[in-house]
Amino acid sequence: LNHAGPVSLRYPKASLEKIERAVAPIELGQAEVHDWGSDG
């Protein structure tokens, strides 16, 4: 709602689960690394 251009935001019919974590802020084009891992 604060972005200067068009945005598409999708969400399911189902209820959303919640992962307990320190939630990273939403920044344009930025993913959130939950764990990096070493095998994949």
PDB file of all heavy atoms in Angstrom:
ATOM      1  N   LEU A   1       0.809  -1.212   0.000  1.00  0.00           N
ATOM      2  CA  LEU A   1       0.000   0.000   0.000  1.00  0.00           C
ATOM      3  C   LEU A   1       0.846   1.268   0.000  1.00  0.00           C
ATOM      4  O   LEU A   1       0.347   2.358  -0.323  1.00  0.00           O
ATOM      5  CB  LEU A   1      -0.929   0.004   1.214  1.00  0.00           C
ATOM      6  CG  LEU A   1      -2.017  -1.082   1.206  1.00  0.00           C
ATOM      7  CD1 LEU A   1      -2.793  -1.080   2.513  1.00  0.00           C
ATOM      8  CD2 LEU A   1      -2.953  -0.908   0.018  1.00  0.00           C
ATOM      9  N   ASN A   2       2.112   1.127   0.328  1.00  0.00           N
ATOM     10  CA  ASN A   2       3.011   2.279   0.337  1.00  0.00           C
ATOM     11  C   ASN A   2       3.977   2.282  -0.843  1.00  0.00           C
ATOM     12  O   ASN A   2       4.816   3.186  -0.950  1.00  0.00           O
ATOM     13  CB  ASN A   2       3.800   2.320   1.648  1.00  0.00           C
ATOM     14  CG  ASN A   2       2.945   2.742   2.828  1.00  0.00           C
ATOM     15  OD1 ASN A   2       2.747   3.930   3.074  1.00  0.00           O
ATOM     16  ND2 ASN A   2       2.420   1.770   3.562  1.00  0.00           N
ATOM     17  N   HIS A   3       3.831   1.280  -1.726  1.00  0.00           N
ATOM     18  CA  HIS A   3       4.703   1.207  -2.903  1.00  0.00           C
ATOM     19  C   HIS A   3       4.157   2.124  -3.996  1.00  0.00           C
ATOM     20  O   HIS A   3       2.942   2.270  -4.161  1.00  0.00           O
ATOM     21  CB  HIS A   3       4.774  -0.240  -3.401  1.00  0.00           C
ATOM     22  CG  HIS A   3       5.711  -0.423  -4.546  1.00  0.00           C
ATOM     23  ND1 HIS A   3       7.078  -0.257  -4.429  1.00  0.00           N
ATOM     24  CD2 HIS A   3       5.472  -0.744  -5.850  1.00  0.00           C
ATOM     25  CE1 HIS A   3       7.645  -0.490  -5.601  1.00  0.00           C
ATOM     26  NE2 HIS A   3       6.697  -0.775  -6.481  1.00  0.00           N
ATOM     27  N   ALA A   4       5.054   2.729  -4.764  1.00  0.00           N
ATOM     28  CA  ALA A   4       4.656   3.733  -5.757  1.00  0.00           C
ATOM     29  C   ALA A   4       4.109   3.139  -7.049  1.00  0.00           C
ATOM     30  O   ALA A   4       3.623   3.883  -7.910  1.00  0.00           O
ATOM     31  CB  ALA A   4       5.845   4.642  -6.076  1.00  0.00           C
ATOM     32  N   GLY A   5       4.162   1.823  -7.216  1.00  0.00           N
ATOM     33  CA  GLY A   5       3.674   1.187  -8.436  1.00  0.00           C
ATOM     34  C   GLY A   5       2.767   0.017  -8.116  1.00  0.00           C
ATOM     35  O   GLY A   5       2.417  -0.226  -6.955  1.00  0.00           O
ATOM     36  N   PRO A   6       2.379  -0.755  -9.132  1.00  0.00           N
ATOM     37  CA  PRO A   6       1.471  -1.879  -8.919  1.00  0.00           C
ATOM     38  C   PRO A   6       2.142  -3.056  -8.217  1.00  0.00           C
ATOM     39  O   PRO A   6       3.324  -3.334  -8.434  1.00  0.00           O
ATOM     40  CB  PRO A   6       1.043  -2.262 -10.341  1.00  0.00           C
ATOM     41  CG  PRO A   6       2.156  -1.777 -11.215  1.00  0.00           C
ATOM     42  CD  PRO A   6       2.694  -0.551 -10.556  1.00  0.00           C
ATOM     43  N   VAL A   7       1.365  -3.734  -7.386  1.00  0.00           N
ATOM     44  CA  VAL A   7       1.858  -4.877  -6.614  1.00  0.00           C
ATOM     45  C   VAL A   7       0.826  -5.995  -6.666  1.00  0.00           C
ATOM     46  O   VAL A   7      -0.382  -5.753  -6.529  1.00  0.00           O
ATOM     47  CB  VAL A   7       2.116  -4.503  -5.134  1.00  0.00           C
ATOM     48  CG1 VAL A   7       2.557  -5.734  -4.337  1.00  0.00           C
ATOM     49  CG2 VAL A   7       3.161  -3.413  -5.024  1.00  0.00           C
ATOM     50  N   SER A   8       1.296  -7.215  -6.856  1.00  0.00           N
ATOM     51  CA  SER A   8       0.441  -8.404  -6.776  1.00  0.00           C
ATOM     52  C   SER A   8       0.833  -9.193  -5.533  1.00  0.00           C
ATOM     53  O   SER A   8       2.002  -9.542  -5.349  1.00  0.00           O
ATOM     54  CB  SER A   8       0.626  -9.267  -8.031  1.00  0.00           C
ATOM     55  OG  SER A   8      -0.084 -10.483  -7.907  1.00  0.00           O
ATOM     56  N   LEU A   9      -0.149  -9.474  -4.692  1.00  0.00           N
ATOM     57  CA  LEU A   9       0.056 -10.186  -3.426  1.00  0.00           C
ATOM     58  C   LEU A   9      -0.896 -11.374  -3.388  1.00  0.00           C
ATOM     59  O   LEU A   9      -2.111 -11.195  -3.427  1.00  0.00           O
ATOM     60  CB  LEU A   9      -0.213  -9.235  -2.252  1.00  0.00           C
ATOM     61  CG  LEU A   9      -0.241  -9.809  -0.842  1.00  0.00           C
ATOM     62  CD1 LEU A   9       1.130 -10.354  -0.464  1.00  0.00           C
ATOM     63  CD2 LEU A   9      -0.672  -8.739   0.160  1.00  0.00           C
ATOM     64  N   ARG A  10      -0.343 -12.586  -3.336  1.00  0.00           N
ATOM     65  CA  ARG A  10      -1.184 -13.794  -3.382  1.00  0.00           C
ATOM     66  C   ARG A  10      -1.224 -14.472  -2.016  1.00  0.00           C
ATOM     67  O   ARG A  10      -0.239 -14.476  -1.274  1.00  0.00           O
ATOM     68  CB  ARG A  10      -0.675 -14.763  -4.463  1.00  0.00           C
ATOM     69  CG  ARG A  10       0.562 -15.532  -4.063  1.00  0.00           C
ATOM     70  CD  ARG A  10       1.219 -16.377  -5.158  1.00  0.00           C
ATOM     71  NE  ARG A  10       0.354 -17.123  -6.026  1.00  0.00           N
ATOM     72  CZ  ARG A  10       0.224 -18.446  -6.005  1.00  0.00           C
ATOM     73  NH1 ARG A  10       0.871 -19.178  -5.099  1.00  0.00           N
ATOM     74  NH2 ARG A  10      -0.561 -19.044  -6.871  1.00  0.00           N
ATOM     75  N   TYR A  11      -2.372 -15.071  -1.693  1.00  0.00           N
ATOM     76  CA  TYR A  11      -2.506 -15.828  -0.448  1.00  0.00           C
ATOM     77  C   TYR A  11      -3.580 -16.890  -0.655  1.00  0.00           C
ATOM     78  O   TYR A  11      -4.464 -16.749  -1.504  1.00  0.00           O
ATOM     79  CB  TYR A  11      -2.844 -14.920   0.739  1.00  0.00           C
ATOM     80  CG  TYR A  11      -3.987 -13.974   0.507  1.00  0.00           C
ATOM     81  CD1 TYR A  11      -5.287 -14.341   0.815  1.00  0.00           C
ATOM     82  CD2 TYR A  11      -3.762 -12.713  -0.029  1.00  0.00           C
ATOM     83  CE1 TYR A  11      -6.352 -13.480   0.602  1.00  0.00           C
ATOM     84  CE2 TYR A  11      -4.822 -11.834  -0.249  1.00  0.00           C
ATOM     85  CZ  TYR A  11      -6.113 -12.227   0.058  1.00  0.00           C
ATOM     86  OH  TYR A  11      -7.148 -11.372  -0.167  1.00  0.00           O
ATOM     87  N   PRO A  12      -3.536 -17.971   0.117  1.00  0.00           N
ATOM     88  CA  PRO A  12      -4.416 -19.115  -0.147  1.00  0.00           C
ATOM     89  C   PRO A  12      -5.776 -18.996   0.523  1.00  0.00           C
ATOM     90  O   PRO A  12      -6.008 -18.138   1.369  1.00  0.00           O
ATOM     91  CB  PRO A  12      -3.636 -20.286   0.460  1.00  0.00           C
ATOM     92  CG  PRO A  12      -2.954 -19.657   1.641  1.00  0.00           C
ATOM     93  CD  PRO A  12      -2.579 -18.256   1.197  1.00  0.00           C
ATOM     94  N   LYS A  13      -6.659 -19.895   0.128  1.00  0.00           N
ATOM     95  CA  LYS A  13      -7.948 -20.035   0.808  1.00  0.00           C
ATOM     96  C   LYS A  13      -7.745 -20.635   2.193  1.00  0.00           C
ATOM     97  O   LYS A  13      -8.507 -20.359   3.118  1.00  0.00           O
ATOM     98  CB  LYS A  13      -8.872 -20.916  -0.035  1.00  0.00           C
ATOM     99  CG  LYS A  13     -10.252 -21.138   0.561  1.00  0.00           C
ATOM    100  CD  LYS A  13     -11.081 -22.069  -0.308  1.00  0.00           C
ATOM    101  CE  LYS A  13     -12.444 -22.327   0.307  1.00  0.00           C
ATOM    102  NZ  LYS A  13     -13.241 -23.287  -0.488  1.00  0.00           N
ATOM    103  N   ALA A  14      -6.731 -21.456   2.344  1.00  0.00           N
ATOM    104  CA  ALA A  14      -6.450 -22.127   3.616  1.00  0.00           C
ATOM    105  C   ALA A  14      -5.912 -21.150   4.653  1.00  0.00           C
ATOM    106  O   ALA A  14      -5.409 -20.072   4.319  1.00  0.00           O
ATOM    107  CB  ALA A  14      -5.448 -23.252   3.390  1.00  0.00           C
ATOM    108  N   SER A  15      -6.005 -21.536   5.929  1.00  0.00           N
ATOM    109  CA  SER A  15      -5.419 -20.735   7.006  1.00  0.00           C
ATOM    110  C   SER A  15      -3.894 -20.802   6.917  1.00  0.00           C
ATOM    111  O   SER A  15      -3.323 -21.841   6.586  1.00  0.00           O
ATOM    112  CB  SER A  15      -5.878 -21.259   8.368  1.00  0.00           C
ATOM    113  OG  SER A  15      -7.284 -21.157   8.494  1.00  0.00           O
ATOM    114  N   LEU A  16      -3.260 -19.684   7.217  1.00  0.00           N
ATOM    115  CA  LEU A  16      -1.801 -19.635   7.164  1.00  0.00           C
ATOM    116  C   LEU A  16      -1.196 -20.102   8.482  1.00  0.00           C
ATOM    117  O   LEU A  16      -1.694 -19.780   9.561  1.00  0.00           O
ATOM    118  CB  LEU A  16      -1.325 -18.211   6.878  1.00  0.00           C
ATOM    119  CG  LEU A  16      -1.572 -17.670   5.469  1.00  0.00           C
ATOM    120  CD1 LEU A  16      -1.143 -16.208   5.391  1.00  0.00           C
ATOM    121  CD2 LEU A  16      -0.824 -18.490   4.444  1.00  0.00           C
ATOM    122  N   GLU A  17      -0.113 -20.862   8.373  1.00  0.00           N
ATOM    123  CA  GLU A  17       0.661 -21.220   9.559  1.00  0.00           C
ATOM    124  C   GLU A  17       1.620 -20.084   9.891  1.00  0.00           C
ATOM    125  O   GLU A  17       1.793 -19.138   9.113  1.00  0.00           O
ATOM    126  CB  GLU A  17       1.444 -22.516   9.306  1.00  0.00           C
ATOM    127  CG  GLU A  17       0.570 -23.727   9.047  1.00  0.00           C
ATOM    128  CD  GLU A  17       1.405 -24.981   8.872  1.00  0.00           C
ATOM    129  OE1 GLU A  17       2.141 -25.332   9.822  1.00  0.00           O
ATOM    130  OE2 GLU A  17       1.325 -25.591   7.797  1.00  0.00           O
ATOM    131  N   LYS A  18       2.255 -20.183  11.055  1.00  0.00           N
ATOM    132  CA  LYS A  18       3.214 -19.159  11.477  1.00  0.00           C
ATOM    133  C   LYS A  18       4.484 -19.830  11.967  1.00  0.00           C
ATOM    134  O   LYS A  18       4.436 -20.707  12.825  1.00  0.00           O
ATOM    135  CB  LYS A  18       2.614 -18.280  12.575  1.00  0.00           C
ATOM    136  CG  LYS A  18       3.514 -17.123  12.990  1.00  0.00           C
ATOM    137  CD  LYS A  18       2.820 -16.232  14.016  1.00  0.00           C
ATOM    138  CE  LYS A  18       3.700 -15.062  14.412  1.00  0.00           C
ATOM    139  NZ  LYS A  18       3.034 -14.176  15.399  1.00  0.00           N
ATOM    140  N   ILE A  19       5.613 -19.436  11.394  1.00  0.00           N
ATOM    141  CA  ILE A  19       6.917 -19.939  11.817  1.00  0.00           C
ATOM    142  C   ILE A  19       7.483 -18.977  12.850  1.00  0.00           C
ATOM    143  O   ILE A  19       7.650 -17.779  12.578  1.00  0.00           O
ATOM    144  CB  ILE A  19       7.883 -20.063  10.619  1.00  0.00           C
ATOM    145  CG1 ILE A  19       7.343 -21.076   9.602  1.00  0.00           C
ATOM    146  CG2 ILE A  19       9.274 -20.461  11.092  1.00  0.00           C
ATOM    147  CD1 ILE A  19       7.214 -22.487  10.120  1.00  0.00           C
ATOM    148  N   GLU A  20       7.769 -19.491  14.033  1.00  0.00           N
ATOM    149  CA  GLU A  20       8.338 -18.656  15.093  1.00  0.00           C
ATOM    150  C   GLU A  20       9.795 -18.344  14.755  1.00  0.00           C
ATOM    151  O   GLU A  20      10.618 -19.236  14.608  1.00  0.00           O
ATOM    152  CB  GLU A  20       8.244 -19.370  16.444  1.00  0.00           C
ATOM    153  CG  GLU A  20       6.810 -19.593  16.929  1.00  0.00           C
ATOM    154  CD  GLU A  20       6.049 -18.288  17.126  1.00  0.00           C
ATOM    155  OE1 GLU A  20       6.697 -17.269  17.480  1.00  0.00           O
ATOM    156  OE2 GLU A  20       4.823 -18.280  16.932  1.00  0.00           O
ATOM    157  N   ARG A  21      10.092 -17.063  14.605  1.00  0.00           N
ATOM    158  CA  ARG A  21      11.426 -16.628  14.235  1.00  0.00           C
ATOM    159  C   ARG A  21      11.509 -15.116  14.423  1.00  0.00           C
ATOM    160  O   ARG A  21      10.490 -14.452  14.636  1.00  0.00           O
ATOM    161  CB  ARG A  21      11.724 -16.972  12.775  1.00  0.00           C
ATOM    162  CG  ARG A  21      10.866 -16.198  11.769  1.00  0.00           C
ATOM    163  CD  ARG A  21      10.869 -16.838  10.418  1.00  0.00           C
ATOM    164  NE  ARG A  21      10.270 -16.014   9.365  1.00  0.00           N
ATOM    165  CZ  ARG A  21       8.972 -15.886   9.156  1.00  0.00           C
ATOM    166  NH1 ARG A  21       8.116 -16.514   9.946  1.00  0.00           N
ATOM    167  NH2 ARG A  21       8.517 -15.140   8.169  1.00  0.00           N
ATOM    168  N   ALA A  22      12.707 -14.569  14.316  1.00  0.00           N
ATOM    169  CA  ALA A  22      12.867 -13.122  14.238  1.00  0.00           C
ATOM    170  C   ALA A  22      12.593 -12.736  12.793  1.00  0.00           C
ATOM    171  O   ALA A  22      13.439 -12.917  11.917  1.00  0.00           O
ATOM    172  CB  ALA A  22      14.279 -12.721  14.657  1.00  0.00           C
ATOM    173  N   VAL A  23      11.397 -12.231  12.519  1.00  0.00           N
ATOM    174  CA  VAL A  23      10.952 -11.996  11.145  1.00  0.00           C
ATOM    175  C   VAL A  23      11.741 -10.848  10.522  1.00  0.00           C
ATOM    176  O   VAL A  23      11.790  -9.740  11.069  1.00  0.00           O
ATOM    177  CB  VAL A  23       9.443 -11.679  11.103  1.00  0.00           C
ATOM    178  CG1 VAL A  23       8.978 -11.475   9.672  1.00  0.00           C
ATOM    179  CG2 VAL A  23       8.650 -12.807  11.762  1.00  0.00           C
ATOM    180  N   ALA A  24      12.362 -11.125   9.389  1.00  0.00           N
ATOM    181  CA  ALA A  24      13.104 -10.093   8.673  1.00  0.00           C
ATOM    182  C   ALA A  24      12.129  -9.081   8.080  1.00  0.00           C
ATOM    183  O   ALA A  24      11.036  -9.454   7.651  1.00  0.00           O
ATOM    184  CB  ALA A  24      13.947 -10.724   7.564  1.00  0.00           C
ATOM    185  N   PRO A  25      12.480  -7.796   8.048  1.00  0.00           N
ATOM    186  CA  PRO A  25      11.580  -6.793   7.478  1.00  0.00           C
ATOM    187  C   PRO A  25      11.354  -7.030   5.984  1.00  0.00           C
ATOM    188  O   PRO A  25      12.200  -7.620   5.303  1.00  0.00           O
ATOM    189  CB  PRO A  25      12.318  -5.473   7.734  1.00  0.00           C
ATOM    190  CG  PRO A  25      13.752  -5.860   7.904  1.00  0.00           C
ATOM    191  CD  PRO A  25      13.745  -7.206   8.532  1.00  0.00           C
ATOM    192  N   ILE A  26      10.218  -6.577   5.493  1.00  0.00           N
ATOM    193  CA  ILE A  26       9.905  -6.692   4.071  1.00  0.00           C
ATOM    194  C   ILE A  26      10.608  -5.561   3.320  1.00  0.00           C
ATOM    195  O   ILE A  26      10.338  -4.377   3.558  1.00  0.00           O
ATOM    196  CB  ILE A  26       8.384  -6.619   3.814  1.00  0.00           C
ATOM    197  CG1 ILE A  26       7.647  -7.703   4.614  1.00  0.00           C
ATOM    198  CG2 ILE A  26       8.093  -6.734   2.321  1.00  0.00           C
ATOM    199  CD1 ILE A  26       7.978  -9.113   4.208  1.00  0.00           C
ATOM    200  N   GLU A  27      11.521  -5.931   2.448  1.00  0.00           N
ATOM    201  CA  GLU A  27      12.223  -4.969   1.607  1.00  0.00           C
ATOM    202  C   GLU A  27      12.099  -5.415   0.161  1.00  0.00           C
ATOM    203  O   GLU A  27      12.144  -6.612  -0.134  1.00  0.00           O
ATOM    204  CB  GLU A  27      13.697  -4.872   2.014  1.00  0.00           C
ATOM    205  CG  GLU A  27      13.904  -4.397   3.443  1.00  0.00           C
ATOM    206  CD  GLU A  27      15.380  -4.337   3.823  1.00  0.00           C
ATOM    207  OE1 GLU A  27      16.222  -4.438   2.920  1.00  0.00           O
ATOM    208  OE2 GLU A  27      15.675  -4.204   5.024  1.00  0.00           O
ATOM    209  N   LEU A  28      11.954  -4.474  -0.739  1.00  0.00           N
ATOM    210  CA  LEU A  28      11.708  -4.778  -2.142  1.00  0.00           C
ATOM    211  C   LEU A  28      12.752  -5.746  -2.697  1.00  0.00           C
ATOM    212  O   LEU A  28      13.948  -5.479  -2.664  1.00  0.00           O
ATOM    213  CB  LEU A  28      11.715  -3.487  -2.970  1.00  0.00           C
ATOM    214  CG  LEU A  28      11.479  -3.648  -4.471  1.00  0.00           C
ATOM    215  CD1 LEU A  28      10.085  -4.206  -4.745  1.00  0.00           C
ATOM    216  CD2 LEU A  28      11.669  -2.316  -5.183  1.00  0.00           C
ATOM    217  N   GLY A  29      12.244  -6.896  -3.192  1.00  0.00           N
ATOM    218  CA  GLY A  29      13.117  -7.859  -3.847  1.00  0.00           C
ATOM    219  C   GLY A  29      14.081  -8.575  -2.926  1.00  0.00           C
ATOM    220  O   GLY A  29      15.100  -9.098  -3.397  1.00  0.00           O
ATOM    221  N   GLN A  30      13.773  -8.653  -1.633  1.00  0.00           N
ATOM    222  CA  GLN A  30      14.666  -9.303  -0.678  1.00  0.00           C
ATOM    223  C   GLN A  30      14.030 -10.569  -0.116  1.00  0.00           C
ATOM    224  O   GLN A  30      12.927 -10.526   0.433  1.00  0.00           O
ATOM    225  CB  GLN A  30      15.011  -8.355   0.477  1.00  0.00           C
ATOM    226  CG  GLN A  30      15.851  -7.167   0.061  1.00  0.00           C
ATOM    227  CD  GLN A  30      17.235  -7.584  -0.407  1.00  0.00           C
ATOM    228  OE1 GLN A  30      17.957  -8.290   0.286  1.00  0.00           O
ATOM    229  NE2 GLN A  30      17.608  -7.142  -1.604  1.00  0.00           N
ATOM    230  N   ALA A  31      14.733 -11.686  -0.247  1.00  0.00           N
ATOM    231  CA  ALA A  31      14.298 -12.939   0.364  1.00  0.00           C
ATOM    232  C   ALA A  31      14.699 -12.955   1.840  1.00  0.00           C
ATOM    233  O   ALA A  31      15.506 -12.139   2.295  1.00  0.00           O
ATOM    234  CB  ALA A  31      14.927 -14.119  -0.366  1.00  0.00           C
ATOM    235  N   GLU A  32      14.132 -13.898   2.574  1.00  0.00           N
ATOM    236  CA  GLU A  32      14.463 -14.092   3.989  1.00  0.00           C
ATOM    237  C   GLU A  32      15.149 -15.448   4.133  1.00  0.00           C
ATOM    238  O   GLU A  32      14.562 -16.483   3.807  1.00  0.00           O
ATOM    239  CB  GLU A  32      13.189 -14.059   4.834  1.00  0.00           C
ATOM    240  CG  GLU A  32      13.429 -14.303   6.317  1.00  0.00           C
ATOM    241  CD  GLU A  32      12.128 -14.407   7.109  1.00  0.00           C
ATOM    242  OE1 GLU A  32      11.153 -14.990   6.583  1.00  0.00           O
ATOM    243  OE2 GLU A  32      12.093 -13.914   8.246  1.00  0.00           O
ATOM    244  N   VAL A  33      16.396 -15.420   4.594  1.00  0.00           N
ATOM    245  CA  VAL A  33      17.127 -16.671   4.805  1.00  0.00           C
ATOM    246  C   VAL A  33      16.805 -17.188   6.194  1.00  0.00           C
ATOM    247  O   VAL A  33      17.200 -16.586   7.201  1.00  0.00           O
ATOM    248  CB  VAL A  33      18.649 -16.468   4.644  1.00  0.00           C
ATOM    249  CG1 VAL A  33      19.390 -17.780   4.914  1.00  0.00           C
ATOM    250  CG2 VAL A  33      18.975 -15.947   3.248  1.00  0.00           C
ATOM    251  N   HIS A  34      16.081 -18.296   6.244  1.00  0.00           N
ATOM    252  CA  HIS A  34      15.731 -18.906   7.531  1.00  0.00           C
ATOM    253  C   HIS A  34      16.899 -19.730   8.047  1.00  0.00           C
ATOM    254  O   HIS A  34      17.284 -19.620   9.212  1.00  0.00           O
ATOM    255  CB  HIS A  34      14.484 -19.781   7.360  1.00  0.00           C
ATOM    256  CG  HIS A  34      13.977 -20.385   8.617  1.00  0.00           C
ATOM    257  ND1 HIS A  34      13.465 -19.637   9.651  1.00  0.00           N
ATOM    258  CD2 HIS A  34      13.905 -21.685   9.026  1.00  0.00           C
ATOM    259  CE1 HIS A  34      13.093 -20.426  10.633  1.00  0.00           C
ATOM    260  NE2 HIS A  34      13.353 -21.672  10.288  1.00  0.00           N
ATOM    261  N   ASP A  35      17.465 -20.571   7.201  1.00  0.00           N
ATOM    262  CA  ASP A  35      18.691 -21.333   7.473  1.00  0.00           C
ATOM    263  C   ASP A  35      19.420 -21.475   6.149  1.00  0.00           C
ATOM    264  O   ASP A  35      18.795 -21.655   5.103  1.00  0.00           O
ATOM    265  CB  ASP A  35      18.373 -22.729   8.027  1.00  0.00           C
ATOM    266  CG  ASP A  35      17.818 -22.686   9.444  1.00  0.00           C
ATOM    267  OD1 ASP A  35      18.521 -22.167  10.323  1.00  0.00           O
ATOM    268  OD2 ASP A  35      16.689 -23.160   9.641  1.00  0.00           O
ATOM    269  N   TRP A  36      20.742 -21.437   6.191  1.00  0.00           N
ATOM    270  CA  TRP A  36      21.503 -21.551   4.949  1.00  0.00           C
ATOM    271  C   TRP A  36      21.803 -23.004   4.593  1.00  0.00           C
ATOM    272  O   TRP A  36      21.667 -23.423   3.460  1.00  0.00           O
ATOM    273  CB  TRP A  36      22.795 -20.743   5.044  1.00  0.00           C
ATOM    274  CG  TRP A  36      23.526 -20.673   3.734  1.00  0.00           C
ATOM    275  CD1 TRP A  36      24.714 -21.267   3.418  1.00  0.00           C
ATOM    276  CD2 TRP A  36      23.104 -19.976   2.554  1.00  0.00           C
ATOM    277  NE1 TRP A  36      25.068 -20.967   2.117  1.00  0.00           N
ATOM    278  CE2 TRP A  36      24.087 -20.186   1.560  1.00  0.00           C
ATOM    279  CE3 TRP A  36      21.984 -19.202   2.230  1.00  0.00           C
ATOM    280  CZ2 TRP A  36      23.991 -19.639   0.278  1.00  0.00           C
ATOM    281  CZ3 TRP A  36      21.892 -18.655   0.964  1.00  0.00           C
ATOM    282  CH2 TRP A  36      22.878 -18.891  -0.003  1.00  0.00           C
ATOM    283  N   GLY A  37      22.185 -23.810   5.578  1.00  0.00           N
ATOM    284  CA  GLY A  37      22.466 -25.217   5.307  1.00  0.00           C
ATOM    285  C   GLY A  37      23.801 -25.407   4.611  1.00  0.00           C
ATOM    286  O   GLY A  37      24.483 -24.454   4.225  1.00  0.00           O
ATOM    287  N   SER A  38      24.175 -26.662   4.435  1.00  0.00           N
ATOM    288  CA  SER A  38      25.441 -26.992   3.774  1.00  0.00           C
ATOM    289  C   SER A  38      25.284 -28.091   2.727  1.00  0.00           C
ATOM    290  O   SER A  38      26.115 -28.216   1.828  1.00  0.00           O
ATOM    291  CB  SER A  38      26.483 -27.433   4.808  1.00  0.00           C
ATOM    292  OG  SER A  38      26.011 -28.540   5.562  1.00  0.00           O
ATOM    293  N   ASP A  39      24.217 -28.893   2.830  1.00  0.00           N
ATOM    294  CA  ASP A  39      23.998 -29.995   1.882  1.00  0.00           C
ATOM    295  C   ASP A  39      23.004 -29.636   0.784  1.00  0.00           C
ATOM    296  O   ASP A  39      22.773 -30.435  -0.131  1.00  0.00           O
ATOM    297  CB  ASP A  39      23.498 -31.237   2.626  1.00  0.00           C
ATOM    298  CG  ASP A  39      24.539 -31.802   3.569  1.00  0.00           C
ATOM    299  OD1 ASP A  39      25.739 -31.766   3.220  1.00  0.00           O
ATOM    300  OD2 ASP A  39      24.166 -32.272   4.660  1.00  0.00           O
ATOM    301  N   GLY A  40      22.409 -28.465   0.873  1.00  0.00           N
ATOM    302  CA  GLY A  40      21.410 -28.036  -0.092  1.00  0.00           C
ATOM    303  C   GLY A  40      20.465 -27.051   0.559  1.00  0.00           C
ATOM    304  O   GLY A  40      20.548 -26.785   1.767  1.00  0.00           O
TER     305      GLY A  40
END
